[in-house]
Amino acid sequence: MTADAVTPEDLATLEEQLGRVPRGVVAIAARCVCGRPLVVRTAPRLDDGTPFPTSYYLTCPPAVKAVSTLEATGAMEEMNRRLAEDSELRASYEQAHRAYLAERSELGIVPEIADVSAGGMPTRVKCLHALLGHTLAVGRGVNPFGDEVLDRLEREGMWSPSVCSC
């Protein structure tokens, strides 16, 4: 995974995207084709001491909106059903969970969240935003559900990282 250093311009953009001061940002993990932040990499413990398990946080408002729309269609229920039925999918999702934990540990160990990754990994699909953020940050082939979310958004014309929607 390649991540960019955070510039003052990035922080201003993030505040605009989030509608608040960004917290715990250590890098820009993925950028829009126009250069604006798309996914941030966050510290596992915020400055106020709060544990923060979501290492890859989706910030681009059009992407967030598209994922929210996908969630509202019942996509997570269907994914959870497949996760329960498909042992290969479960093994792949477990591997994504372990990769997520290893990547987060590069930034520090936080005992309170030692076995907690994001998005419901490894036992359920809980947050498609976190799963897409993971895929956008580390690339395809790591998180099967993050990859699937990206595929569905692109296929349905809802959002694509190859087209600026900022």
N, C-alpha and C. Protein backbone atom coordinates (compact mmCIF):
# COMPACT_ATOMS: atom_id res chain seq x y z
N MET A 1 0.84 -1.19 0.00
CA MET A 1 0.00 0.00 0.00
C MET A 1 0.87 1.24 0.00
N THR A 2 0.54 2.18 -0.83
CA THR A 2 1.23 3.45 -0.88
C THR A 2 0.30 4.51 -0.32
N ALA A 3 0.82 5.34 0.55
CA ALA A 3 0.01 6.41 1.10
C ALA A 3 0.78 7.71 0.97
N ASP A 4 0.05 8.79 0.75
CA ASP A 4 0.66 10.10 0.60
C ASP A 4 0.67 10.84 1.93
N ALA A 5 1.68 11.67 2.10
CA ALA A 5 1.72 12.55 3.26
C ALA A 5 0.52 13.50 3.20
N VAL A 6 0.10 13.93 4.36
CA VAL A 6 -1.05 14.83 4.47
C VAL A 6 -0.56 16.27 4.42
N THR A 7 -1.12 17.05 3.51
CA THR A 7 -0.76 18.46 3.39
C THR A 7 -1.80 19.33 4.09
N PRO A 8 -1.46 20.58 4.35
CA PRO A 8 -2.48 21.49 4.90
C PRO A 8 -3.71 21.61 3.98
N GLU A 9 -3.49 21.55 2.67
CA GLU A 9 -4.60 21.59 1.73
C GLU A 9 -5.49 20.36 1.89
N ASP A 10 -4.85 19.19 2.09
CA ASP A 10 -5.63 17.97 2.32
C ASP A 10 -6.49 18.11 3.58
N LEU A 11 -5.91 18.64 4.64
CA LEU A 11 -6.68 18.79 5.88
C LEU A 11 -7.87 19.72 5.68
N ALA A 12 -7.67 20.80 4.91
CA ALA A 12 -8.78 21.72 4.62
C ALA A 12 -9.87 21.01 3.80
N THR A 13 -9.45 20.21 2.82
CA THR A 13 -10.40 19.46 2.01
C THR A 13 -11.15 18.45 2.87
N LEU A 14 -10.43 17.75 3.73
CA LEU A 14 -11.07 16.77 4.61
C LEU A 14 -12.09 17.43 5.52
N GLU A 15 -11.77 18.58 6.06
CA GLU A 15 -12.73 19.28 6.91
C GLU A 15 -13.99 19.64 6.12
N GLU A 16 -13.79 20.05 4.87
CA GLU A 16 -14.93 20.36 4.00
C GLU A 16 -15.74 19.09 3.71
N GLN A 17 -15.05 17.99 3.39
CA GLN A 17 -15.74 16.74 3.07
C GLN A 17 -16.52 16.21 4.26
N LEU A 18 -15.91 16.23 5.43
CA LEU A 18 -16.50 15.63 6.63
C LEU A 18 -17.44 16.55 7.37
N GLY A 19 -17.30 17.85 7.17
CA GLY A 19 -18.10 18.81 7.91
C GLY A 19 -17.63 18.97 9.35
N ARG A 20 -16.39 18.57 9.60
CA ARG A 20 -15.79 18.69 10.93
C ARG A 20 -14.28 18.60 10.77
N VAL A 21 -13.58 18.92 11.83
CA VAL A 21 -12.12 18.79 11.82
C VAL A 21 -11.77 17.31 11.78
N PRO A 22 -10.94 16.90 10.82
CA PRO A 22 -10.57 15.47 10.76
C PRO A 22 -9.72 15.08 11.97
N ARG A 23 -9.89 13.82 12.40
CA ARG A 23 -9.16 13.33 13.57
C ARG A 23 -8.28 12.15 13.20
N GLY A 24 -7.08 12.13 13.74
CA GLY A 24 -6.21 10.97 13.63
C GLY A 24 -5.67 10.68 12.25
N VAL A 25 -5.74 11.60 11.33
CA VAL A 25 -5.27 11.36 9.97
C VAL A 25 -3.75 11.28 9.94
N VAL A 26 -3.23 10.16 9.44
CA VAL A 26 -1.78 10.01 9.32
C VAL A 26 -1.32 9.99 7.87
N ALA A 27 -2.22 9.73 6.93
CA ALA A 27 -1.86 9.70 5.51
C ALA A 27 -3.12 9.73 4.66
N ILE A 28 -2.93 10.06 3.41
CA ILE A 28 -4.00 9.94 2.42
C ILE A 28 -3.78 8.59 1.75
N ALA A 29 -4.69 7.67 1.99
CA ALA A 29 -4.53 6.29 1.51
C ALA A 29 -4.99 6.11 0.07
N ALA A 30 -5.88 6.97 -0.39
CA ALA A 30 -6.33 6.93 -1.79
C ALA A 30 -6.82 8.33 -2.15
N ARG A 31 -6.59 8.68 -3.41
CA ARG A 31 -7.01 10.00 -3.89
C ARG A 31 -7.94 9.86 -5.08
N CYS A 32 -8.80 10.85 -5.23
CA CYS A 32 -9.63 10.98 -6.41
C CYS A 32 -8.69 11.23 -7.60
N VAL A 33 -9.16 11.00 -8.79
CA VAL A 33 -8.35 11.28 -9.98
C VAL A 33 -7.99 12.76 -10.06
N CYS A 34 -8.75 13.62 -9.40
CA CYS A 34 -8.44 15.05 -9.38
C CYS A 34 -7.41 15.40 -8.31
N GLY A 35 -7.06 14.45 -7.45
CA GLY A 35 -6.04 14.67 -6.43
C GLY A 35 -6.57 14.89 -5.02
N ARG A 36 -7.86 15.09 -4.87
CA ARG A 36 -8.42 15.31 -3.53
C ARG A 36 -8.47 13.99 -2.76
N PRO A 37 -8.46 14.05 -1.43
CA PRO A 37 -8.54 12.83 -0.63
C PRO A 37 -9.82 12.04 -0.92
N LEU A 38 -9.67 10.73 -0.96
CA LEU A 38 -10.78 9.81 -1.17
C LEU A 38 -10.91 8.91 0.06
N VAL A 39 -9.76 8.44 0.57
CA VAL A 39 -9.69 7.60 1.76
C VAL A 39 -8.51 8.08 2.59
N VAL A 40 -8.72 8.23 3.89
CA VAL A 40 -7.61 8.57 4.78
C VAL A 40 -7.21 7.35 5.59
N ARG A 41 -5.96 7.32 5.96
CA ARG A 41 -5.47 6.31 6.90
C ARG A 41 -5.41 7.00 8.25
N THR A 42 -6.00 6.38 9.24
CA THR A 42 -6.10 7.01 10.56
C THR A 42 -5.31 6.22 11.60
N ALA A 43 -4.91 6.94 12.62
CA ALA A 43 -4.20 6.34 13.74
C ALA A 43 -5.14 5.42 14.52
N PRO A 44 -4.62 4.35 15.09
CA PRO A 44 -5.48 3.45 15.85
C PRO A 44 -5.90 4.01 17.22
N ARG A 45 -5.28 5.09 17.62
CA ARG A 45 -5.69 5.79 18.85
C ARG A 45 -5.70 7.27 18.52
N LEU A 46 -6.84 7.92 18.73
CA LEU A 46 -6.97 9.34 18.46
C LEU A 46 -6.21 10.16 19.51
N ASP A 47 -6.01 11.42 19.21
CA ASP A 47 -5.25 12.29 20.12
C ASP A 47 -5.85 12.37 21.52
N ASP A 48 -7.16 12.20 21.63
CA ASP A 48 -7.80 12.26 22.95
C ASP A 48 -7.74 10.92 23.69
N GLY A 49 -7.07 9.92 23.08
CA GLY A 49 -6.92 8.62 23.71
C GLY A 49 -7.95 7.58 23.29
N THR A 50 -8.94 7.98 22.52
CA THR A 50 -9.98 7.06 22.08
C THR A 50 -9.43 6.04 21.09
N PRO A 51 -9.66 4.75 21.33
CA PRO A 51 -9.28 3.75 20.33
C PRO A 51 -10.12 3.94 19.07
N PHE A 52 -9.49 3.79 17.91
CA PHE A 52 -10.18 4.01 16.64
C PHE A 52 -9.81 2.89 15.68
N PRO A 53 -10.67 1.87 15.55
CA PRO A 53 -10.31 0.71 14.75
C PRO A 53 -10.34 0.92 13.24
N THR A 54 -11.02 1.95 12.75
CA THR A 54 -11.17 2.13 11.31
C THR A 54 -9.93 2.80 10.73
N SER A 55 -9.02 1.98 10.23
CA SER A 55 -7.76 2.50 9.67
C SER A 55 -7.95 3.21 8.35
N TYR A 56 -8.91 2.77 7.55
CA TYR A 56 -9.16 3.36 6.23
C TYR A 56 -10.57 3.94 6.22
N TYR A 57 -10.63 5.26 6.17
CA TYR A 57 -11.89 5.97 6.35
C TYR A 57 -12.26 6.66 5.03
N LEU A 58 -13.37 6.27 4.45
CA LEU A 58 -13.86 6.85 3.20
C LEU A 58 -14.35 8.26 3.46
N THR A 59 -13.83 9.25 2.72
CA THR A 59 -14.16 10.65 2.99
C THR A 59 -14.88 11.37 1.86
N CYS A 60 -14.79 10.87 0.66
CA CYS A 60 -15.37 11.54 -0.52
C CYS A 60 -16.89 11.50 -0.45
N PRO A 61 -17.55 12.65 -0.32
CA PRO A 61 -19.01 12.64 -0.15
C PRO A 61 -19.80 11.89 -1.24
N PRO A 62 -19.49 12.03 -2.52
CA PRO A 62 -20.25 11.25 -3.50
C PRO A 62 -20.06 9.73 -3.33
N ALA A 63 -18.87 9.30 -2.95
CA ALA A 63 -18.63 7.87 -2.71
C ALA A 63 -19.41 7.43 -1.47
N VAL A 64 -19.36 8.22 -0.42
CA VAL A 64 -20.09 7.89 0.80
C VAL A 64 -21.58 7.78 0.51
N LYS A 65 -22.12 8.72 -0.27
CA LYS A 65 -23.55 8.70 -0.61
C LYS A 65 -23.89 7.45 -1.43
N ALA A 66 -23.05 7.11 -2.40
CA ALA A 66 -23.31 5.94 -3.23
C ALA A 66 -23.31 4.66 -2.39
N VAL A 67 -22.37 4.56 -1.47
CA VAL A 67 -22.31 3.37 -0.61
C VAL A 67 -23.53 3.32 0.31
N SER A 68 -23.94 4.46 0.83
CA SER A 68 -25.13 4.50 1.67
C SER A 68 -26.36 4.02 0.90
N THR A 69 -26.45 4.42 -0.35
CA THR A 69 -27.56 3.97 -1.20
C THR A 69 -27.50 2.46 -1.39
N LEU A 70 -26.31 1.93 -1.63
CA LEU A 70 -26.15 0.49 -1.78
C LEU A 70 -26.54 -0.24 -0.50
N GLU A 71 -26.12 0.29 0.64
CA GLU A 71 -26.51 -0.32 1.92
C GLU A 71 -28.03 -0.35 2.08
N ALA A 72 -28.69 0.72 1.64
CA ALA A 72 -30.14 0.81 1.80
C ALA A 72 -30.90 -0.20 0.94
N THR A 73 -30.23 -0.79 -0.04
CA THR A 73 -30.89 -1.77 -0.91
C THR A 73 -30.88 -3.18 -0.32
N GLY A 74 -30.24 -3.35 0.84
CA GLY A 74 -30.18 -4.67 1.46
C GLY A 74 -28.96 -5.47 1.07
N ALA A 75 -27.97 -4.81 0.50
CA ALA A 75 -26.76 -5.50 0.05
C ALA A 75 -26.07 -6.25 1.18
N MET A 76 -26.05 -5.67 2.37
CA MET A 76 -25.33 -6.32 3.48
C MET A 76 -26.00 -7.62 3.90
N GLU A 77 -27.32 -7.66 3.89
CA GLU A 77 -28.02 -8.89 4.27
C GLU A 77 -27.66 -10.02 3.31
N GLU A 78 -27.64 -9.70 2.02
CA GLU A 78 -27.29 -10.70 1.02
C GLU A 78 -25.84 -11.15 1.18
N MET A 79 -24.95 -10.21 1.45
CA MET A 79 -23.54 -10.54 1.65
C MET A 79 -23.36 -11.42 2.89
N ASN A 80 -24.07 -11.10 3.95
CA ASN A 80 -24.00 -11.90 5.18
C ASN A 80 -24.51 -13.33 4.94
N ARG A 81 -25.55 -13.45 4.15
CA ARG A 81 -26.06 -14.78 3.82
C ARG A 81 -24.99 -15.58 3.09
N ARG A 82 -24.37 -14.96 2.09
CA ARG A 82 -23.31 -15.66 1.34
C ARG A 82 -22.12 -15.97 2.21
N LEU A 83 -21.79 -15.07 3.13
CA LEU A 83 -20.67 -15.30 4.04
C LEU A 83 -20.93 -16.54 4.90
N ALA A 84 -22.16 -16.70 5.35
CA ALA A 84 -22.51 -17.85 6.19
C ALA A 84 -22.49 -19.16 5.41
N GLU A 85 -22.74 -19.10 4.12
CA GLU A 85 -22.87 -20.31 3.31
C GLU A 85 -21.59 -20.73 2.58
N ASP A 86 -20.67 -19.81 2.37
CA ASP A 86 -19.53 -20.05 1.48
C ASP A 86 -18.22 -20.06 2.27
N SER A 87 -17.65 -21.24 2.46
CA SER A 87 -16.43 -21.37 3.27
C SER A 87 -15.23 -20.68 2.61
N GLU A 88 -15.15 -20.67 1.30
CA GLU A 88 -14.04 -19.98 0.63
C GLU A 88 -14.15 -18.47 0.82
N LEU A 89 -15.34 -17.94 0.72
CA LEU A 89 -15.56 -16.52 0.95
C LEU A 89 -15.21 -16.17 2.39
N ARG A 90 -15.63 -17.01 3.34
CA ARG A 90 -15.29 -16.77 4.76
C ARG A 90 -13.79 -16.74 4.95
N ALA A 91 -13.07 -17.68 4.33
CA ALA A 91 -11.60 -17.73 4.47
C ALA A 91 -10.96 -16.49 3.87
N SER A 92 -11.46 -16.03 2.75
CA SER A 92 -10.93 -14.83 2.11
C SER A 92 -11.18 -13.59 2.96
N TYR A 93 -12.37 -13.52 3.54
CA TYR A 93 -12.74 -12.38 4.40
C TYR A 93 -11.92 -12.40 5.69
N GLU A 94 -11.67 -13.57 6.22
CA GLU A 94 -10.81 -13.72 7.40
C GLU A 94 -9.39 -13.24 7.07
N GLN A 95 -8.91 -13.57 5.90
CA GLN A 95 -7.58 -13.13 5.48
C GLN A 95 -7.54 -11.60 5.34
N ALA A 96 -8.61 -11.01 4.82
CA ALA A 96 -8.69 -9.54 4.73
C ALA A 96 -8.64 -8.92 6.12
N HIS A 97 -9.33 -9.53 7.06
CA HIS A 97 -9.33 -9.08 8.46
C HIS A 97 -7.90 -9.11 9.02
N ARG A 98 -7.20 -10.20 8.81
CA ARG A 98 -5.82 -10.31 9.32
C ARG A 98 -4.91 -9.28 8.66
N ALA A 99 -5.09 -9.06 7.36
CA ALA A 99 -4.29 -8.05 6.66
C ALA A 99 -4.56 -6.66 7.24
N TYR A 100 -5.83 -6.36 7.51
CA TYR A 100 -6.23 -5.07 8.07
C TYR A 100 -5.55 -4.86 9.43
N LEU A 101 -5.60 -5.89 10.27
CA LEU A 101 -4.98 -5.79 11.60
C LEU A 101 -3.47 -5.59 11.48
N ALA A 102 -2.83 -6.28 10.56
CA ALA A 102 -1.38 -6.14 10.38
C ALA A 102 -1.04 -4.73 9.90
N GLU A 103 -1.82 -4.19 8.98
CA GLU A 103 -1.58 -2.84 8.50
C GLU A 103 -1.78 -1.82 9.61
N ARG A 104 -2.81 -1.99 10.41
CA ARG A 104 -3.06 -1.05 11.51
C ARG A 104 -1.95 -1.13 12.54
N SER A 105 -1.43 -2.33 12.81
CA SER A 105 -0.38 -2.47 13.82
C SER A 105 0.89 -1.73 13.44
N GLU A 106 1.07 -1.43 12.15
CA GLU A 106 2.21 -0.63 11.72
C GLU A 106 2.18 0.76 12.36
N LEU A 107 0.99 1.21 12.73
CA LEU A 107 0.81 2.54 13.32
C LEU A 107 0.76 2.51 14.84
N GLY A 108 0.79 1.34 15.43
CA GLY A 108 0.74 1.22 16.88
C GLY A 108 -0.22 0.13 17.31
N ILE A 109 0.02 -0.38 18.49
CA ILE A 109 -0.80 -1.43 19.07
C ILE A 109 -1.73 -0.80 20.10
N VAL A 110 -3.01 -1.07 19.97
CA VAL A 110 -4.01 -0.56 20.91
C VAL A 110 -4.74 -1.79 21.45
N PRO A 111 -4.41 -2.20 22.68
CA PRO A 111 -4.98 -3.45 23.21
C PRO A 111 -6.50 -3.52 23.18
N GLU A 112 -7.18 -2.41 23.38
CA GLU A 112 -8.64 -2.41 23.43
C GLU A 112 -9.28 -2.86 22.12
N ILE A 113 -8.55 -2.70 21.01
CA ILE A 113 -9.11 -3.05 19.70
C ILE A 113 -8.21 -4.08 18.98
N ALA A 114 -7.45 -4.83 19.75
CA ALA A 114 -6.45 -5.73 19.17
C ALA A 114 -7.01 -6.67 18.12
N ASP A 115 -8.20 -7.19 18.30
CA ASP A 115 -8.78 -8.14 17.35
C ASP A 115 -9.95 -7.57 16.55
N VAL A 116 -10.12 -6.25 16.62
CA VAL A 116 -11.24 -5.59 15.93
C VAL A 116 -10.69 -4.89 14.70
N SER A 117 -11.23 -5.24 13.54
CA SER A 117 -10.81 -4.52 12.33
C SER A 117 -11.90 -3.51 11.99
N ALA A 118 -12.56 -3.67 10.86
CA ALA A 118 -13.60 -2.71 10.48
C ALA A 118 -14.60 -3.38 9.57
N GLY A 119 -15.75 -2.79 9.46
CA GLY A 119 -16.74 -3.27 8.51
C GLY A 119 -17.41 -4.58 8.90
N GLY A 120 -17.14 -5.05 10.13
CA GLY A 120 -17.72 -6.30 10.58
C GLY A 120 -16.80 -7.51 10.42
N MET A 121 -15.65 -7.29 9.77
CA MET A 121 -14.72 -8.40 9.56
C MET A 121 -14.39 -9.05 10.88
N PRO A 122 -14.19 -10.32 10.95
CA PRO A 122 -14.28 -11.30 9.87
C PRO A 122 -15.59 -12.10 9.86
N THR A 123 -16.50 -11.80 10.77
CA THR A 123 -17.67 -12.67 10.92
C THR A 123 -18.95 -12.14 10.29
N ARG A 124 -19.00 -10.87 9.91
CA ARG A 124 -20.21 -10.33 9.31
C ARG A 124 -19.86 -9.13 8.45
N VAL A 125 -20.79 -8.72 7.64
CA VAL A 125 -20.65 -7.52 6.82
C VAL A 125 -21.52 -6.46 7.46
N LYS A 126 -20.87 -5.43 7.99
CA LYS A 126 -21.56 -4.44 8.80
C LYS A 126 -21.51 -3.04 8.20
N CYS A 127 -20.40 -2.67 7.56
CA CYS A 127 -20.24 -1.31 7.05
C CYS A 127 -19.54 -1.35 5.71
N LEU A 128 -20.30 -1.12 4.65
CA LEU A 128 -19.73 -1.16 3.31
C LEU A 128 -18.77 0.00 3.06
N HIS A 129 -18.95 1.12 3.77
CA HIS A 129 -18.04 2.25 3.63
C HIS A 129 -16.62 1.84 4.03
N ALA A 130 -16.50 1.15 5.16
CA ALA A 130 -15.18 0.72 5.64
C ALA A 130 -14.57 -0.31 4.70
N LEU A 131 -15.39 -1.20 4.18
CA LEU A 131 -14.88 -2.24 3.28
C LEU A 131 -14.41 -1.64 1.96
N LEU A 132 -15.17 -0.69 1.42
CA LEU A 132 -14.73 -0.01 0.20
C LEU A 132 -13.46 0.80 0.47
N GLY A 133 -13.41 1.48 1.61
CA GLY A 133 -12.20 2.23 1.96
C GLY A 133 -10.97 1.34 1.97
N HIS A 134 -11.14 0.12 2.50
CA HIS A 134 -10.03 -0.84 2.53
C HIS A 134 -9.59 -1.18 1.11
N THR A 135 -10.52 -1.51 0.25
CA THR A 135 -10.17 -1.85 -1.14
C THR A 135 -9.51 -0.68 -1.85
N LEU A 136 -10.05 0.52 -1.70
CA LEU A 136 -9.47 1.68 -2.38
C LEU A 136 -8.07 1.99 -1.87
N ALA A 137 -7.81 1.72 -0.60
CA ALA A 137 -6.51 2.00 -0.01
C ALA A 137 -5.45 0.97 -0.40
N VAL A 138 -5.82 -0.31 -0.40
CA VAL A 138 -4.80 -1.35 -0.61
C VAL A 138 -4.89 -2.02 -1.97
N GLY A 139 -5.94 -1.76 -2.71
CA GLY A 139 -6.10 -2.36 -4.04
C GLY A 139 -6.99 -3.58 -4.01
N ARG A 140 -7.39 -3.97 -5.19
CA ARG A 140 -8.25 -5.15 -5.34
C ARG A 140 -7.50 -6.41 -4.97
N GLY A 141 -8.28 -7.43 -4.60
CA GLY A 141 -7.70 -8.73 -4.32
C GLY A 141 -7.42 -8.99 -2.86
N VAL A 142 -7.68 -8.03 -1.99
CA VAL A 142 -7.44 -8.21 -0.55
C VAL A 142 -8.76 -8.42 0.18
N ASN A 143 -9.73 -7.54 -0.05
CA ASN A 143 -11.00 -7.61 0.66
C ASN A 143 -12.12 -7.97 -0.33
N PRO A 144 -12.63 -9.19 -0.26
CA PRO A 144 -13.62 -9.61 -1.26
C PRO A 144 -14.88 -8.76 -1.28
N PHE A 145 -15.33 -8.32 -0.13
CA PHE A 145 -16.54 -7.51 -0.12
C PHE A 145 -16.25 -6.06 -0.51
N GLY A 146 -15.11 -5.54 -0.16
CA GLY A 146 -14.72 -4.21 -0.65
C GLY A 146 -14.64 -4.20 -2.16
N ASP A 147 -14.05 -5.26 -2.74
CA ASP A 147 -13.99 -5.38 -4.19
C ASP A 147 -15.39 -5.45 -4.78
N GLU A 148 -16.26 -6.22 -4.15
CA GLU A 148 -17.62 -6.37 -4.66
C GLU A 148 -18.39 -5.06 -4.60
N VAL A 149 -18.22 -4.30 -3.53
CA VAL A 149 -18.88 -2.99 -3.42
C VAL A 149 -18.42 -2.11 -4.58
N LEU A 150 -17.12 -2.06 -4.81
CA LEU A 150 -16.60 -1.24 -5.90
C LEU A 150 -17.16 -1.69 -7.24
N ASP A 151 -17.17 -3.00 -7.47
CA ASP A 151 -17.73 -3.53 -8.72
C ASP A 151 -19.19 -3.12 -8.90
N ARG A 152 -19.97 -3.25 -7.85
CA ARG A 152 -21.40 -2.94 -7.94
C ARG A 152 -21.64 -1.46 -8.18
N LEU A 153 -20.88 -0.61 -7.48
CA LEU A 153 -21.05 0.83 -7.68
C LEU A 153 -20.72 1.22 -9.11
N GLU A 154 -19.65 0.65 -9.64
CA GLU A 154 -19.27 0.98 -11.01
C GLU A 154 -20.27 0.40 -12.02
N ARG A 155 -20.64 -0.84 -11.84
CA ARG A 155 -21.56 -1.51 -12.77
C ARG A 155 -22.92 -0.79 -12.82
N GLU A 156 -23.37 -0.33 -11.66
CA GLU A 156 -24.68 0.33 -11.59
C GLU A 156 -24.60 1.84 -11.87
N GLY A 157 -23.40 2.32 -12.20
CA GLY A 157 -23.22 3.73 -12.54
C GLY A 157 -23.41 4.68 -11.38
N MET A 158 -23.21 4.17 -10.16
CA MET A 158 -23.43 4.98 -8.96
C MET A 158 -22.22 5.82 -8.59
N TRP A 159 -21.01 5.27 -8.82
CA TRP A 159 -19.78 5.97 -8.46
C TRP A 159 -18.60 5.15 -8.98
N SER A 160 -17.54 5.83 -9.35
CA SER A 160 -16.32 5.16 -9.80
C SER A 160 -15.11 5.99 -9.41
N PRO A 161 -14.03 5.36 -8.94
CA PRO A 161 -12.83 6.10 -8.61
C PRO A 161 -12.10 6.62 -9.84
N SER A 162 -12.48 6.19 -11.02
CA SER A 162 -11.82 6.64 -12.24
C SER A 162 -12.46 7.91 -12.81
N VAL A 163 -13.55 8.37 -12.18
CA VAL A 163 -14.24 9.58 -12.63
C VAL A 163 -14.36 10.53 -11.44
N CYS A 164 -13.87 11.75 -11.60
CA CYS A 164 -13.99 12.72 -10.51
C CYS A 164 -15.45 13.08 -10.29
N SER A 165 -15.87 13.02 -9.04
CA SER A 165 -17.24 13.42 -8.69
C SER A 165 -17.21 14.47 -7.58
N CYS A 166 -16.02 15.05 -7.39
CA CYS A 166 -15.86 16.05 -6.32
C CYS A 166 -16.65 17.27 -6.60
